[in-house]
Amino acid sequence: MFNVVLIEPEIPPNTGNIGRLCLATGSTLHLVKPLGFSTDDRELKRAGLDYWKEVDVRFWDSFEGLQHAHGPDARSFLLTTKSDRAYYTVCFQPGDFLVFGRETKGLPETLLAANPKQLLTIPMHGTRSLNLATAVAIVLFEAMRQQR
């Protein structure tokens, strides 16, 4: 239904949990290299439980390659703490790409600067960031809620 993009994820259990979220919502998981782990990683598979083999996961050498493959009409939203536009203000559509960055650094500054109208944030108080799997769940399930 939706596309979840992780750019250079670093922590295997986060990616495993996000894989389960994608399976539960009928979404595709896109992993943009380099990954901070092997997809044979025991922790990745442990977090994804026995579902990992059922996840629709696709690998990309670059975000630009992913964008090129899906064409100019594909809608992408980049999640970052460097925006004031809340994720829940968007009317999500099936097929949208929800793009998340590395656990330690977020999305590259060049990508944010090139796509200012596509930036969204999860409003927070008292912390500067959330766990990646938690952030994906918040936004993905809001997108799903809008489709029900």
C-alpha atoms as a PDB file:
ATOM      1  CA  MET A   1       0.000   0.000   0.000  1.00  0.00           C
ATOM      2  CA  PHE A   2       2.829   2.399   0.935  1.00  0.00           C
ATOM      3  CA  ASN A   3       6.578   2.451   0.427  1.00  0.00           C
ATOM      4  CA  VAL A   4       8.900   2.801   3.400  1.00  0.00           C
ATOM      5  CA  VAL A   5      12.421   3.897   2.484  1.00  0.00           C
ATOM      6  CA  LEU A   6      15.344   3.561   4.885  1.00  0.00           C
ATOM      7  CA  ILE A   7      18.431   5.412   3.707  1.00  0.00           C
ATOM      8  CA  GLU A   8      21.586   3.788   5.067  1.00  0.00           C
ATOM      9  CA  PRO A   9      20.010   2.111   8.115  1.00  0.00           C
ATOM     10  CA  GLU A  10      22.525   1.151  10.790  1.00  0.00           C
ATOM     11  CA  ILE A  11      20.775  -0.963  13.436  1.00  0.00           C
ATOM     12  CA  PRO A  12      19.559  -4.443  12.420  1.00  0.00           C
ATOM     13  CA  PRO A  13      16.747  -4.775  15.011  1.00  0.00           C
ATOM     14  CA  ASN A  14      15.203  -1.488  13.835  1.00  0.00           C
ATOM     15  CA  THR A  15      15.156  -2.683  10.246  1.00  0.00           C
ATOM     16  CA  GLY A  16      13.727  -6.050  11.322  1.00  0.00           C
ATOM     17  CA  ASN A  17      10.924  -4.350  13.227  1.00  0.00           C
ATOM     18  CA  ILE A  18      10.233  -2.014  10.323  1.00  0.00           C
ATOM     19  CA  GLY A  19      10.079  -5.036   8.033  1.00  0.00           C
ATOM     20  CA  ARG A  20       7.328  -6.484  10.232  1.00  0.00           C
ATOM     21  CA  LEU A  21       5.474  -3.152  10.121  1.00  0.00           C
ATOM     22  CA  CYS A  22       5.680  -3.210   6.323  1.00  0.00           C
ATOM     23  CA  LEU A  23       4.383  -6.769   6.170  1.00  0.00           C
ATOM     24  CA  ALA A  24       1.517  -5.928   8.545  1.00  0.00           C
ATOM     25  CA  THR A  25       0.449  -2.976   6.370  1.00  0.00           C
ATOM     26  CA  GLY A  26       1.063  -4.478   2.937  1.00  0.00           C
ATOM     27  CA  SER A  27       3.837  -1.959   2.349  1.00  0.00           C
ATOM     28  CA  THR A  28       7.128  -2.344   0.518  1.00  0.00           C
ATOM     29  CA  LEU A  29      10.410  -1.802   2.353  1.00  0.00           C
ATOM     30  CA  HIS A  30      13.157  -0.117   0.339  1.00  0.00           C
ATOM     31  CA  LEU A  31      16.694  -0.253   1.744  1.00  0.00           C
ATOM     32  CA  VAL A  32      19.183   2.224   0.302  1.00  0.00           C
ATOM     33  CA  LYS A  33      22.827   1.194   0.586  1.00  0.00           C
ATOM     34  CA  PRO A  34      25.212   1.195   2.240  1.00  0.00           C
ATOM     35  CA  LEU A  35      23.596  -0.748   5.058  1.00  0.00           C
ATOM     36  CA  GLY A  36      25.252  -0.786   8.455  1.00  0.00           C
ATOM     37  CA  PHE A  37      24.781  -4.552   8.688  1.00  0.00           C
ATOM     38  CA  SER A  38      24.399  -7.703   6.629  1.00  0.00           C
ATOM     39  CA  THR A  39      20.907  -8.825   5.678  1.00  0.00           C
ATOM     40  CA  ASP A  40      21.987 -12.208   7.017  1.00  0.00           C
ATOM     41  CA  ASP A  41      22.410 -10.578  10.424  1.00  0.00           C
ATOM     42  CA  ARG A  42      20.983 -12.691  13.236  1.00  0.00           C
ATOM     43  CA  GLU A  43      19.587  -9.607  15.026  1.00  0.00           C
ATOM     44  CA  LEU A  44      17.783  -8.442  11.890  1.00  0.00           C
ATOM     45  CA  LYS A  45      16.081 -11.790  11.492  1.00  0.00           C
ATOM     46  CA  ARG A  46      15.380 -12.036  15.215  1.00  0.00           C
ATOM     47  CA  ALA A  47      13.576  -8.668  15.221  1.00  0.00           C
ATOM     48  CA  GLY A  48      11.710  -9.609  12.035  1.00  0.00           C
ATOM     49  CA  LEU A  49      10.908 -12.995  13.557  1.00  0.00           C
ATOM     50  CA  ASP A  50       9.969 -15.601  11.011  1.00  0.00           C
ATOM     51  CA  TYR A  51       8.255 -12.914   8.923  1.00  0.00           C
ATOM     52  CA  TRP A  52      11.408 -11.492   7.349  1.00  0.00           C
ATOM     53  CA  LYS A  53      11.272 -13.869   4.382  1.00  0.00           C
ATOM     54  CA  GLU A  54       7.733 -12.637   3.604  1.00  0.00           C
ATOM     55  CA  VAL A  55       8.601  -8.915   3.620  1.00  0.00           C
ATOM     56  CA  ASP A  56       8.574  -7.232   0.207  1.00  0.00           C
ATOM     57  CA  VAL A  57      12.057  -5.737   0.510  1.00  0.00           C
ATOM     58  CA  ARG A  58      13.993  -4.084  -2.301  1.00  0.00           C
ATOM     59  CA  PHE A  59      17.575  -2.899  -2.308  1.00  0.00           C
ATOM     60  CA  TRP A  60      18.907   0.237  -3.975  1.00  0.00           C
ATOM     61  CA  ASP A  61      22.426   1.524  -4.525  1.00  0.00           C
ATOM     62  CA  SER A  62      21.208   5.110  -4.155  1.00  0.00           C
ATOM     63  CA  PHE A  63      18.088   7.133  -3.393  1.00  0.00           C
ATOM     64  CA  GLU A  64      18.421   8.723  -6.818  1.00  0.00           C
ATOM     65  CA  GLY A  65      18.239   5.267  -8.386  1.00  0.00           C
ATOM     66  CA  LEU A  66      15.040   4.518  -6.484  1.00  0.00           C
ATOM     67  CA  GLN A  67      13.522   7.839  -7.561  1.00  0.00           C
ATOM     68  CA  HIS A  68      14.502   7.306 -11.180  1.00  0.00           C
ATOM     69  CA  ALA A  69      12.965   3.813 -11.209  1.00  0.00           C
ATOM     70  CA  HIS A  70       9.625   5.094  -9.902  1.00  0.00           C
ATOM     71  CA  GLY A  71       9.348   8.175 -12.103  1.00  0.00           C
ATOM     72  CA  PRO A  72       8.653  11.846 -11.542  1.00  0.00           C
ATOM     73  CA  ASP A  73       5.042  11.340 -10.445  1.00  0.00           C
ATOM     74  CA  ALA A  74       5.956   9.271  -7.378  1.00  0.00           C
ATOM     75  CA  ARG A  75       5.209  11.195  -4.182  1.00  0.00           C
ATOM     76  CA  SER A  76       7.915  11.163  -1.510  1.00  0.00           C
ATOM     77  CA  PHE A  77       7.854  12.584   1.997  1.00  0.00           C
ATOM     78  CA  LEU A  78      11.097  12.953   3.915  1.00  0.00           C
ATOM     79  CA  LEU A  79      10.875  12.638   7.685  1.00  0.00           C
ATOM     80  CA  THR A  80      13.224  14.884   9.623  1.00  0.00           C
ATOM     81  CA  THR A  81      13.512  16.859  12.817  1.00  0.00           C
ATOM     82  CA  LYS A  82      14.503  19.819  10.620  1.00  0.00           C
ATOM     83  CA  SER A  83      10.974  20.739   9.578  1.00  0.00           C
ATOM     84  CA  ASP A  84       7.965  22.411  11.193  1.00  0.00           C
ATOM     85  CA  ARG A  85       5.399  20.656   8.993  1.00  0.00           C
ATOM     86  CA  ALA A  86       3.733  17.859  10.981  1.00  0.00           C
ATOM     87  CA  TYR A  87       3.229  14.497   9.297  1.00  0.00           C
ATOM     88  CA  TYR A  88      -0.500  14.471  10.110  1.00  0.00           C
ATOM     89  CA  THR A  89      -1.143  17.575   7.983  1.00  0.00           C
ATOM     90  CA  VAL A  90      -0.551  15.568   4.797  1.00  0.00           C
ATOM     91  CA  CYS A  91      -3.245  13.623   2.933  1.00  0.00           C
ATOM     92  CA  PHE A  92      -1.315  10.453   2.176  1.00  0.00           C
ATOM     93  CA  GLN A  93      -2.108   8.399  -0.909  1.00  0.00           C
ATOM     94  CA  PRO A  94      -1.472   4.720  -1.591  1.00  0.00           C
ATOM     95  CA  GLY A  95       1.931   4.327  -3.187  1.00  0.00           C
ATOM     96  CA  ASP A  96       3.509   7.274  -1.360  1.00  0.00           C
ATOM     97  CA  PHE A  97       7.141   6.921  -0.329  1.00  0.00           C
ATOM     98  CA  LEU A  98       7.884   7.621   3.342  1.00  0.00           C
ATOM     99  CA  VAL A  99      11.618   8.284   3.566  1.00  0.00           C
ATOM    100  CA  PHE A 100      13.653   7.958   6.764  1.00  0.00           C
ATOM    101  CA  GLY A 101      17.371   8.432   7.407  1.00  0.00           C
ATOM    102  CA  ARG A 102      20.059   6.813   9.491  1.00  0.00           C
ATOM    103  CA  GLU A 103      19.493   6.321  13.188  1.00  0.00           C
ATOM    104  CA  THR A 104      22.486   8.465  14.138  1.00  0.00           C
ATOM    105  CA  LYS A 105      22.349  11.278  11.576  1.00  0.00           C
ATOM    106  CA  GLY A 106      18.973  11.297   9.866  1.00  0.00           C
ATOM    107  CA  LEU A 107      18.698  12.196   6.205  1.00  0.00           C
ATOM    108  CA  PRO A 108      21.593  13.842   4.351  1.00  0.00           C
ATOM    109  CA  GLU A 109      21.503  17.656   4.390  1.00  0.00           C
ATOM    110  CA  THR A 110      21.806  17.724   0.587  1.00  0.00           C
ATOM    111  CA  LEU A 111      18.629  15.640   0.249  1.00  0.00           C
ATOM    112  CA  LEU A 112      16.746  17.895   2.669  1.00  0.00           C
ATOM    113  CA  ALA A 113      17.914  21.041   0.877  1.00  0.00           C
ATOM    114  CA  ALA A 114      16.869  19.647  -2.513  1.00  0.00           C
ATOM    115  CA  ASN A 115      13.343  18.736  -1.333  1.00  0.00           C
ATOM    116  CA  PRO A 116      12.099  21.458   1.058  1.00  0.00           C
ATOM    117  CA  LYS A 117       8.401  21.013   0.171  1.00  0.00           C
ATOM    118  CA  GLN A 118       8.531  17.294   0.948  1.00  0.00           C
ATOM    119  CA  LEU A 119       9.839  17.572   4.509  1.00  0.00           C
ATOM    120  CA  LEU A 120       7.708  16.358   7.406  1.00  0.00           C
ATOM    121  CA  THR A 121       8.319  15.993  11.110  1.00  0.00           C
ATOM    122  CA  ILE A 122       6.879  14.191  14.102  1.00  0.00           C
ATOM    123  CA  PRO A 123       6.279  16.912  16.694  1.00  0.00           C
ATOM    124  CA  MET A 124       8.091  16.092  19.946  1.00  0.00           C
ATOM    125  CA  HIS A 125       8.526  17.630  23.353  1.00  0.00           C
ATOM    126  CA  GLY A 126      11.483  16.942  25.595  1.00  0.00           C
ATOM    127  CA  THR A 127      13.520  14.841  23.144  1.00  0.00           C
ATOM    128  CA  ARG A 128      15.222  15.541  19.854  1.00  0.00           C
ATOM    129  CA  SER A 129      14.432  12.213  18.194  1.00  0.00           C
ATOM    130  CA  LEU A 130      12.610   8.886  18.418  1.00  0.00           C
ATOM    131  CA  ASN A 131      13.690   5.336  17.713  1.00  0.00           C
ATOM    132  CA  LEU A 132      13.573   4.756  13.952  1.00  0.00           C
ATOM    133  CA  ALA A 133      11.089   1.874  14.138  1.00  0.00           C
ATOM    134  CA  THR A 134       8.825   3.982  16.367  1.00  0.00           C
ATOM    135  CA  ALA A 135       8.981   6.921  13.956  1.00  0.00           C
ATOM    136  CA  VAL A 136       8.147   4.696  10.988  1.00  0.00           C
ATOM    137  CA  ALA A 137       5.216   3.165  12.879  1.00  0.00           C
ATOM    138  CA  ILE A 138       3.780   6.587  13.765  1.00  0.00           C
ATOM    139  CA  VAL A 139       3.813   7.898  10.206  1.00  0.00           C
ATOM    140  CA  LEU A 140       2.956   4.639   8.436  1.00  0.00           C
ATOM    141  CA  PHE A 141      -0.072   3.962  10.618  1.00  0.00           C
ATOM    142  CA  GLU A 142      -1.325   7.526  10.155  1.00  0.00           C
ATOM    143  CA  ALA A 143      -1.093   6.967   6.402  1.00  0.00           C
ATOM    144  CA  MET A 144      -2.964   3.663   6.833  1.00  0.00           C
ATOM    145  CA  ARG A 145      -5.591   5.298   9.073  1.00  0.00           C
ATOM    146  CA  GLN A 146      -6.311   7.843   6.353  1.00  0.00           C
ATOM    147  CA  GLN A 147      -7.045   5.018   3.894  1.00  0.00           C
ATOM    148  CA  ARG A 148      -9.631   3.303   6.101  1.00  0.00           C
END
